[in-house]
Each structure stands twice: as C-alpha cells, then as structure tokens.
Amino acid sequence: MSDKKKLLETFVNEFQDRDYVIKHVAPEFTSLCPKTGQPDFATMTLEYIPDETCVELKSLKIYYNSYRNDGVFYESLTNKILDDLVEATQPRWLQVTADFNVRGGISSRITAEYISDEYYEVEDFEDDDEE
C-alpha cells in the first residue's frame, strides 16, 4: 500500500481543554535495509500532545506493521511516520523516536518533532528577567 496514512484511525479527544502527553511504545517494529534487504528492528516511541483527536492503537499497530517488507532508510522512515501521524491527528506537539537495534556495530536513534504553529508561542520562551 503506497498511502499508508489511510491506515491510521483517530477518535475524539475528550480533554481538549488541557495539555497532556500520550506516549506509545512499540518495541517490535521491523522494516528492511534498502541496501541489503536484511531486516532492521527498532523500538518506535510516539509521544504527543493531542488537540482534537487521538490516534487509535490498533490502527497504529497495523500502520507500523505495514513497513515490515519495505526497504527504507532510518531517517526517511522516521520523518515519514511523523508526517503521517501529524496529518492524521493534527496534534499540538508530536515526536517520533526510532531506536534501531545494533547492526554492523552501530546503533541508531532518529528523532523527529512537530510543533503546531497555533500551539507554539514565542512569549512562552522569553526570559522573565528582560523586563
């Protein structure tokens, strides 16, 4: 399936009036190395502050499993997952961390982050001592 984001389902966030963090950890993610065809194993961690919707877990699992036979570089994979989840859920903030197992003596951790323009406010980061 080329348009994997269609696999992602959402439900209404009942607590839209508050910021809270949702964290989902999937320790059995697999994809394929695009160079060798060998399997890559990772723990995928999704953390986000929802706005109007939350991602439904069964659909998230099916979405992750859809990468099982895909040859894709770690960096592309992590950013594609971020883009698809942002499009599906329209969160206030979202971060995807792909923590890949050691292969060839090297482990890799890729982190990609999204912050909604509406959520991000410059004054939140201003120094109070500058008055």
Protein backbone atom coordinates (compact mmCIF):
# COMPACT_ATOMS: atom_id res chain seq x y z
CA MET A 1 0.00 0.00 0.00
CA SER A 2 1.58 3.27 -1.08
CA ASP A 3 -0.63 5.58 1.01
CA LYS A 4 -0.06 4.09 4.44
CA LYS A 5 -1.55 7.06 6.30
CA LYS A 6 -5.01 5.83 5.30
CA LEU A 7 -4.47 3.01 7.81
CA LEU A 8 -4.41 5.48 10.72
CA GLU A 9 -7.69 5.99 12.55
CA THR A 10 -8.45 8.59 15.18
CA PHE A 11 -11.01 9.26 17.89
CA VAL A 12 -12.17 12.44 19.62
CA ASN A 13 -10.00 13.75 22.43
CA GLU A 14 -12.36 14.24 25.37
CA PHE A 15 -9.92 16.55 27.18
CA GLN A 16 -9.17 19.20 24.57
CA ASP A 17 -9.12 21.89 27.26
CA ARG A 18 -5.84 20.62 28.76
CA ASP A 19 -2.37 19.70 27.62
CA TYR A 20 -1.35 16.15 28.43
CA VAL A 21 1.21 13.83 26.89
CA ILE A 22 0.35 10.48 25.36
CA LYS A 23 3.22 8.04 24.94
CA HIS A 24 3.02 4.81 22.93
CA VAL A 25 5.99 2.44 22.72
CA ALA A 26 6.15 -0.27 20.04
CA PRO A 27 9.21 -2.48 20.73
CA GLU A 28 8.71 -4.84 17.77
CA PHE A 29 8.93 -2.54 14.74
CA THR A 30 10.57 -4.01 11.64
CA SER A 31 11.48 -2.77 8.19
CA LEU A 32 14.13 -3.75 5.65
CA CYS A 33 17.51 -2.25 4.87
CA PRO A 34 17.22 -0.77 1.36
CA LYS A 35 20.84 -1.75 0.59
CA THR A 36 20.99 -5.35 1.81
CA GLY A 37 17.35 -6.40 2.18
CA GLN A 38 18.14 -7.55 5.73
CA PRO A 39 15.61 -6.82 8.47
CA ASP A 40 16.01 -3.78 10.71
CA PHE A 41 14.49 -3.94 14.18
CA ALA A 42 13.52 -0.91 16.23
CA THR A 43 11.56 0.38 19.15
CA MET A 44 9.24 3.14 17.98
CA THR A 45 8.21 5.70 20.57
CA LEU A 46 5.39 8.10 19.78
CA GLU A 47 4.81 10.99 22.18
CA TYR A 48 2.28 13.72 21.54
CA ILE A 49 0.01 16.36 22.98
CA PRO A 50 -3.32 15.86 21.22
CA ASP A 51 -5.61 18.61 20.09
CA GLU A 52 -9.00 17.45 18.80
CA THR A 53 -8.13 13.81 18.06
CA CYS A 54 -6.01 10.90 19.30
CA VAL A 55 -4.62 8.01 17.26
CA GLU A 56 -6.38 4.67 17.71
CA LEU A 57 -3.91 1.98 18.85
CA LYS A 58 -4.97 -0.95 16.68
CA SER A 59 -4.68 1.21 13.57
CA LEU A 60 -1.26 2.45 14.76
CA LYS A 61 -0.08 -1.17 15.10
CA ILE A 62 -1.37 -2.04 11.62
CA TYR A 63 0.29 1.12 10.25
CA TYR A 64 3.64 0.19 11.83
CA ASN A 65 3.33 -3.40 10.56
CA SER A 66 2.81 -2.11 7.01
CA TYR A 67 6.53 -1.24 6.92
CA ARG A 68 7.62 -4.84 7.54
CA ASN A 69 8.54 -5.53 3.89
CA ASP A 70 9.61 -2.02 2.91
CA GLY A 71 13.22 -1.15 2.20
CA VAL A 72 13.70 2.31 3.70
CA PHE A 73 16.46 4.31 5.34
CA TYR A 74 16.02 5.09 9.06
CA GLU A 75 15.91 8.85 8.55
CA SER A 76 13.28 8.70 5.80
CA LEU A 77 11.19 6.23 7.75
CA THR A 78 11.12 8.30 10.93
CA ASN A 79 10.19 11.51 9.13
CA LYS A 80 7.52 9.77 7.02
CA ILE A 81 5.92 8.34 10.16
CA LEU A 82 5.99 11.81 11.75
CA ASP A 83 4.35 13.39 8.68
CA ASP A 84 1.62 10.73 8.50
CA LEU A 85 0.80 10.96 12.22
CA VAL A 86 0.69 14.77 12.10
CA GLU A 87 -1.65 14.68 9.11
CA ALA A 88 -3.90 12.09 10.76
CA THR A 89 -4.13 13.64 14.23
CA GLN A 90 -3.31 17.36 13.83
CA PRO A 91 -1.66 17.43 17.30
CA ARG A 92 -0.37 20.38 19.30
CA TRP A 93 3.01 18.65 19.54
CA LEU A 94 4.30 15.28 18.33
CA GLN A 95 7.63 13.47 18.49
CA VAL A 96 8.64 10.15 16.95
CA THR A 97 11.78 8.36 18.12
CA ALA A 98 13.03 5.33 16.18
CA ASP A 99 15.59 3.45 18.27
CA PHE A 100 17.15 0.88 15.93
CA ASN A 101 18.99 -2.20 17.16
CA VAL A 102 22.72 -2.57 16.61
CA ARG A 103 23.67 -3.63 13.09
CA GLY A 104 27.24 -3.67 11.84
CA GLY A 105 28.40 -2.44 15.24
CA ILE A 106 26.36 0.78 15.08
CA SER A 107 23.08 1.61 16.78
CA SER A 108 20.95 4.49 15.53
CA ARG A 109 18.33 6.67 17.16
CA ILE A 110 16.38 9.04 14.93
CA THR A 111 14.08 11.65 16.50
CA ALA A 112 11.72 13.87 14.51
CA GLU A 113 9.48 16.52 16.06
CA TYR A 114 6.49 18.64 15.07
CA ILE A 115 5.12 21.71 16.87
CA SER A 116 1.83 23.24 15.73
CA ASP A 117 2.05 26.93 14.75
CA GLU A 118 -1.05 27.60 16.82
CA TYR A 119 0.43 25.90 19.87
CA TYR A 120 3.90 27.40 19.74
CA GLU A 121 4.06 30.86 21.27
CA VAL A 122 7.31 32.83 21.31
CA GLU A 123 6.44 34.55 24.58
CA ASP A 124 6.45 31.18 26.35
CA PHE A 125 10.20 31.10 25.86
CA GLU A 126 11.07 34.71 26.66
CA ASP A 127 13.29 35.39 29.67
CA ASP A 128 11.30 36.99 32.51
CA ASP A 129 14.43 38.86 33.64
CA GLU A 130 14.43 41.05 30.49
CA GLU A 131 11.82 43.49 31.80
